[in-house]
Amino acid sequence: FDQIFDFSHDKKNNRVWIVTSQGLQYLDLTSGVIENFNNDTLNGNVPFRLLIIDHDLYIGTSKNGVYKLDIISFEVSEFCNKDSGEFQILNNWVSALHFYADQLFIATEEGLVK
Protein backbone atom coordinates (compact mmCIF):
# COMPACT_ATOMS: atom_id res chain seq x y z
CA PHE A 1 0.00 0.00 0.00
CA ASP A 2 1.21 3.51 -0.76
CA GLN A 3 -0.74 5.22 2.01
CA ILE A 4 -3.19 3.88 4.58
CA PHE A 5 -5.70 6.47 5.78
CA ASP A 6 -7.84 4.30 8.07
CA PHE A 7 -8.84 0.72 8.86
CA SER A 8 -11.59 -1.06 10.79
CA HIS A 9 -11.93 -4.65 12.00
CA ASP A 10 -15.08 -6.49 10.90
CA LYS A 11 -15.23 -9.15 13.61
CA LYS A 12 -18.41 -10.81 12.30
CA ASN A 13 -16.91 -11.59 8.88
CA ASN A 14 -13.27 -11.84 9.99
CA ARG A 15 -12.10 -9.02 7.72
CA VAL A 16 -10.12 -5.82 8.09
CA TRP A 17 -11.42 -3.01 5.88
CA ILE A 18 -8.65 -0.66 4.76
CA VAL A 19 -8.71 2.76 3.10
CA THR A 20 -5.58 3.26 1.01
CA SER A 21 -4.46 5.65 -1.70
CA GLN A 22 -5.88 3.06 -4.14
CA GLY A 23 -9.35 3.11 -2.53
CA LEU A 24 -11.27 0.72 -0.32
CA GLN A 25 -9.92 -2.79 0.20
CA TYR A 26 -10.41 -5.59 2.67
CA LEU A 27 -8.16 -8.27 4.09
CA ASP A 28 -9.85 -11.63 4.62
CA LEU A 29 -8.22 -12.78 7.85
CA THR A 30 -9.21 -16.40 7.23
CA SER A 31 -7.55 -16.74 3.83
CA GLY A 32 -5.00 -13.92 4.11
CA VAL A 33 -6.16 -12.55 0.75
CA ILE A 34 -6.57 -8.81 0.11
CA GLU A 35 -9.51 -7.91 -2.11
CA ASN A 36 -10.20 -4.61 -3.85
CA PHE A 37 -13.70 -3.29 -3.29
CA ASN A 38 -15.51 -1.99 -6.38
CA ASN A 39 -14.85 1.69 -5.71
CA ASP A 40 -17.08 2.68 -8.64
CA THR A 41 -20.04 2.18 -6.29
CA LEU A 42 -18.76 5.23 -4.36
CA ASN A 43 -19.30 7.37 -7.49
CA GLY A 44 -15.63 8.24 -7.79
CA ASN A 45 -15.41 9.60 -4.25
CA VAL A 46 -12.20 8.96 -2.36
CA PRO A 47 -12.81 7.03 0.87
CA PHE A 48 -11.03 8.56 3.84
CA ARG A 49 -12.50 7.32 7.16
CA LEU A 50 -14.18 4.06 8.24
CA LEU A 51 -16.45 2.94 11.07
CA ILE A 52 -18.31 -0.36 11.49
CA ILE A 53 -21.62 -0.40 13.36
CA ASP A 54 -23.39 -3.79 13.37
CA HIS A 55 -23.42 -4.93 9.72
CA ASP A 56 -22.81 -1.50 8.20
CA LEU A 57 -19.51 0.08 7.24
CA TYR A 58 -19.73 3.88 7.26
CA ILE A 59 -17.31 5.42 4.75
CA GLY A 60 -16.37 9.06 5.17
CA THR A 61 -15.13 10.65 1.95
CA SER A 62 -13.07 13.69 1.14
CA LYS A 63 -15.63 15.10 -1.32
CA ASN A 64 -19.16 13.74 -0.85
CA GLY A 65 -20.01 13.03 2.78
CA VAL A 66 -20.69 9.54 4.10
CA TYR A 67 -21.65 6.33 2.32
CA LYS A 68 -23.03 3.23 4.04
CA LEU A 69 -21.90 -0.23 2.92
CA ASP A 70 -23.76 -3.34 4.06
CA ILE A 71 -20.79 -5.64 4.79
CA ILE A 72 -22.87 -8.75 4.18
CA SER A 73 -24.55 -7.91 0.85
CA PHE A 74 -21.92 -5.32 -0.29
CA GLU A 75 -24.73 -2.91 -1.20
CA VAL A 76 -23.74 0.76 -1.00
CA SER A 77 -26.03 3.69 -0.31
CA GLU A 78 -25.44 7.40 0.09
CA PHE A 79 -25.91 8.02 3.82
CA CYS A 80 -25.50 11.77 4.13
CA ASN A 81 -23.83 14.76 2.55
CA LYS A 82 -24.17 18.52 2.44
CA ASP A 83 -27.14 18.39 0.04
CA SER A 84 -28.95 15.05 0.49
CA GLY A 85 -29.12 11.65 2.15
CA GLU A 86 -30.73 10.51 5.41
CA PHE A 87 -29.72 13.87 6.89
CA GLN A 88 -27.50 16.77 5.90
CA ILE A 89 -24.06 17.52 7.24
CA LEU A 90 -22.20 20.84 7.35
CA ASN A 91 -19.50 19.97 4.83
CA ASN A 92 -18.76 17.04 2.50
CA TRP A 93 -15.15 16.56 3.70
CA VAL A 94 -15.38 14.02 6.54
CA SER A 95 -12.39 14.00 8.88
CA ALA A 96 -13.66 11.54 11.52
CA LEU A 97 -16.48 9.12 12.38
CA HIS A 98 -17.30 8.03 15.92
CA PHE A 99 -20.13 6.05 17.53
CA TYR A 100 -21.04 6.77 21.15
CA ALA A 101 -24.22 6.27 23.21
CA ASP A 102 -26.16 4.96 20.19
CA GLN A 103 -25.34 8.05 18.11
CA LEU A 104 -23.10 8.50 15.09
CA PHE A 105 -20.87 11.58 15.26
CA ILE A 106 -19.44 12.98 12.02
CA ALA A 107 -16.62 15.52 12.06
CA THR A 108 -16.33 17.78 9.00
CA GLU A 109 -14.23 20.80 8.05
CA GLU A 110 -17.05 23.01 9.34
CA GLY A 111 -17.94 21.27 12.59
CA LEU A 112 -19.40 18.22 14.30
CA VAL A 113 -22.76 16.63 13.44
CA LYS A 114 -24.59 13.96 15.40
C-alpha atoms as a PDB file:
ATOM      1  CA  PHE A   1       0.000   0.000   0.000  1.00  0.00           C
ATOM      2  CA  ASP A   2       1.210   3.505  -0.762  1.00  0.00           C
ATOM      3  CA  GLN A   3      -0.741   5.223   2.008  1.00  0.00           C
ATOM      4  CA  ILE A   4      -3.188   3.875   4.581  1.00  0.00           C
ATOM      5  CA  PHE A   5      -5.704   6.467   5.776  1.00  0.00           C
ATOM      6  CA  ASP A   6      -7.844   4.296   8.069  1.00  0.00           C
ATOM      7  CA  PHE A   7      -8.844   0.716   8.861  1.00  0.00           C
ATOM      8  CA  SER A   8     -11.586  -1.056  10.792  1.00  0.00           C
ATOM      9  CA  HIS A   9     -11.933  -4.652  11.999  1.00  0.00           C
ATOM     10  CA  ASP A  10     -15.079  -6.494  10.902  1.00  0.00           C
ATOM     11  CA  LYS A  11     -15.225  -9.152  13.612  1.00  0.00           C
ATOM     12  CA  LYS A  12     -18.406 -10.806  12.296  1.00  0.00           C
ATOM     13  CA  ASN A  13     -16.912 -11.587   8.879  1.00  0.00           C
ATOM     14  CA  ASN A  14     -13.267 -11.841   9.986  1.00  0.00           C
ATOM     15  CA  ARG A  15     -12.097  -9.017   7.722  1.00  0.00           C
ATOM     16  CA  VAL A  16     -10.121  -5.824   8.086  1.00  0.00           C
ATOM     17  CA  TRP A  17     -11.423  -3.005   5.883  1.00  0.00           C
ATOM     18  CA  ILE A  18      -8.652  -0.658   4.763  1.00  0.00           C
ATOM     19  CA  VAL A  19      -8.714   2.759   3.096  1.00  0.00           C
ATOM     20  CA  THR A  20      -5.584   3.256   1.009  1.00  0.00           C
ATOM     21  CA  SER A  21      -4.463   5.652  -1.695  1.00  0.00           C
ATOM     22  CA  GLN A  22      -5.881   3.056  -4.145  1.00  0.00           C
ATOM     23  CA  GLY A  23      -9.345   3.114  -2.531  1.00  0.00           C
ATOM     24  CA  LEU A  24     -11.266   0.723  -0.315  1.00  0.00           C
ATOM     25  CA  GLN A  25      -9.924  -2.790   0.195  1.00  0.00           C
ATOM     26  CA  TYR A  26     -10.411  -5.595   2.674  1.00  0.00           C
ATOM     27  CA  LEU A  27      -8.159  -8.267   4.086  1.00  0.00           C
ATOM     28  CA  ASP A  28      -9.850 -11.626   4.621  1.00  0.00           C
ATOM     29  CA  LEU A  29      -8.215 -12.784   7.854  1.00  0.00           C
ATOM     30  CA  THR A  30      -9.213 -16.404   7.232  1.00  0.00           C
ATOM     31  CA  SER A  31      -7.551 -16.741   3.829  1.00  0.00           C
ATOM     32  CA  GLY A  32      -5.001 -13.919   4.112  1.00  0.00           C
ATOM     33  CA  VAL A  33      -6.160 -12.545   0.747  1.00  0.00           C
ATOM     34  CA  ILE A  34      -6.566  -8.813   0.112  1.00  0.00           C
ATOM     35  CA  GLU A  35      -9.515  -7.915  -2.110  1.00  0.00           C
ATOM     36  CA  ASN A  36     -10.202  -4.613  -3.849  1.00  0.00           C
ATOM     37  CA  PHE A  37     -13.699  -3.285  -3.291  1.00  0.00           C
ATOM     38  CA  ASN A  38     -15.507  -1.989  -6.376  1.00  0.00           C
ATOM     39  CA  ASN A  39     -14.852   1.689  -5.706  1.00  0.00           C
ATOM     40  CA  ASP A  40     -17.084   2.682  -8.645  1.00  0.00           C
ATOM     41  CA  THR A  41     -20.041   2.185  -6.292  1.00  0.00           C
ATOM     42  CA  LEU A  42     -18.758   5.226  -4.362  1.00  0.00           C
ATOM     43  CA  ASN A  43     -19.304   7.371  -7.488  1.00  0.00           C
ATOM     44  CA  GLY A  44     -15.634   8.236  -7.793  1.00  0.00           C
ATOM     45  CA  ASN A  45     -15.407   9.598  -4.254  1.00  0.00           C
ATOM     46  CA  VAL A  46     -12.205   8.960  -2.363  1.00  0.00           C
ATOM     47  CA  PRO A  47     -12.809   7.026   0.871  1.00  0.00           C
ATOM     48  CA  PHE A  48     -11.027   8.560   3.836  1.00  0.00           C
ATOM     49  CA  ARG A  49     -12.501   7.324   7.159  1.00  0.00           C
ATOM     50  CA  LEU A  50     -14.178   4.063   8.244  1.00  0.00           C
ATOM     51  CA  LEU A  51     -16.448   2.945  11.066  1.00  0.00           C
ATOM     52  CA  ILE A  52     -18.306  -0.362  11.491  1.00  0.00           C
ATOM     53  CA  ILE A  53     -21.615  -0.398  13.355  1.00  0.00           C
ATOM     54  CA  ASP A  54     -23.395  -3.786  13.370  1.00  0.00           C
ATOM     55  CA  HIS A  55     -23.423  -4.932   9.722  1.00  0.00           C
ATOM     56  CA  ASP A  56     -22.813  -1.498   8.201  1.00  0.00           C
ATOM     57  CA  LEU A  57     -19.509   0.085   7.239  1.00  0.00           C
ATOM     58  CA  TYR A  58     -19.730   3.881   7.256  1.00  0.00           C
ATOM     59  CA  ILE A  59     -17.310   5.416   4.749  1.00  0.00           C
ATOM     60  CA  GLY A  60     -16.373   9.061   5.171  1.00  0.00           C
ATOM     61  CA  THR A  61     -15.127  10.646   1.953  1.00  0.00           C
ATOM     62  CA  SER A  62     -13.073  13.695   1.138  1.00  0.00           C
ATOM     63  CA  LYS A  63     -15.632  15.104  -1.323  1.00  0.00           C
ATOM     64  CA  ASN A  64     -19.158  13.743  -0.846  1.00  0.00           C
ATOM     65  CA  GLY A  65     -20.007  13.035   2.775  1.00  0.00           C
ATOM     66  CA  VAL A  66     -20.694   9.542   4.100  1.00  0.00           C
ATOM     67  CA  TYR A  67     -21.650   6.330   2.324  1.00  0.00           C
ATOM     68  CA  LYS A  68     -23.026   3.231   4.038  1.00  0.00           C
ATOM     69  CA  LEU A  69     -21.902  -0.229   2.918  1.00  0.00           C
ATOM     70  CA  ASP A  70     -23.758  -3.344   4.065  1.00  0.00           C
ATOM     71  CA  ILE A  71     -20.787  -5.637   4.793  1.00  0.00           C
ATOM     72  CA  ILE A  72     -22.870  -8.750   4.184  1.00  0.00           C
ATOM     73  CA  SER A  73     -24.545  -7.913   0.846  1.00  0.00           C
ATOM     74  CA  PHE A  74     -21.923  -5.316  -0.287  1.00  0.00           C
ATOM     75  CA  GLU A  75     -24.734  -2.908  -1.196  1.00  0.00           C
ATOM     76  CA  VAL A  76     -23.735   0.761  -1.004  1.00  0.00           C
ATOM     77  CA  SER A  77     -26.030   3.692  -0.312  1.00  0.00           C
ATOM     78  CA  GLU A  78     -25.440   7.396   0.088  1.00  0.00           C
ATOM     79  CA  PHE A  79     -25.912   8.017   3.822  1.00  0.00           C
ATOM     80  CA  CYS A  80     -25.505  11.768   4.126  1.00  0.00           C
ATOM     81  CA  ASN A  81     -23.826  14.758   2.552  1.00  0.00           C
ATOM     82  CA  LYS A  82     -24.171  18.517   2.441  1.00  0.00           C
ATOM     83  CA  ASP A  83     -27.136  18.394   0.041  1.00  0.00           C
ATOM     84  CA  SER A  84     -28.946  15.054   0.488  1.00  0.00           C
ATOM     85  CA  GLY A  85     -29.120  11.651   2.153  1.00  0.00           C
ATOM     86  CA  GLU A  86     -30.728  10.508   5.407  1.00  0.00           C
ATOM     87  CA  PHE A  87     -29.723  13.874   6.891  1.00  0.00           C
ATOM     88  CA  GLN A  88     -27.503  16.773   5.897  1.00  0.00           C
ATOM     89  CA  ILE A  89     -24.056  17.525   7.239  1.00  0.00           C
ATOM     90  CA  LEU A  90     -22.197  20.842   7.347  1.00  0.00           C
ATOM     91  CA  ASN A  91     -19.496  19.974   4.830  1.00  0.00           C
ATOM     92  CA  ASN A  92     -18.758  17.036   2.502  1.00  0.00           C
ATOM     93  CA  TRP A  93     -15.155  16.564   3.696  1.00  0.00           C
ATOM     94  CA  VAL A  94     -15.376  14.023   6.541  1.00  0.00           C
ATOM     95  CA  SER A  95     -12.386  14.003   8.880  1.00  0.00           C
ATOM     96  CA  ALA A  96     -13.658  11.536  11.520  1.00  0.00           C
ATOM     97  CA  LEU A  97     -16.482   9.117  12.379  1.00  0.00           C
ATOM     98  CA  HIS A  98     -17.301   8.027  15.924  1.00  0.00           C
ATOM     99  CA  PHE A  99     -20.132   6.046  17.526  1.00  0.00           C
ATOM    100  CA  TYR A 100     -21.038   6.765  21.148  1.00  0.00           C
ATOM    101  CA  ALA A 101     -24.224   6.269  23.214  1.00  0.00           C
ATOM    102  CA  ASP A 102     -26.160   4.964  20.193  1.00  0.00           C
ATOM    103  CA  GLN A 103     -25.335   8.048  18.110  1.00  0.00           C
ATOM    104  CA  LEU A 104     -23.102   8.504  15.088  1.00  0.00           C
ATOM    105  CA  PHE A 105     -20.867  11.584  15.263  1.00  0.00           C
ATOM    106  CA  ILE A 106     -19.442  12.984  12.017  1.00  0.00           C
ATOM    107  CA  ALA A 107     -16.622  15.524  12.063  1.00  0.00           C
ATOM    108  CA  THR A 108     -16.332  17.782   9.002  1.00  0.00           C
ATOM    109  CA  GLU A 109     -14.229  20.800   8.049  1.00  0.00           C
ATOM    110  CA  GLU A 110     -17.049  23.011   9.340  1.00  0.00           C
ATOM    111  CA  GLY A 111     -17.944  21.266  12.585  1.00  0.00           C
ATOM    112  CA  LEU A 112     -19.399  18.219  14.303  1.00  0.00           C
ATOM    113  CA  VAL A 113     -22.758  16.627  13.441  1.00  0.00           C
ATOM    114  CA  LYS A 114     -24.587  13.962  15.402  1.00  0.00           C
END
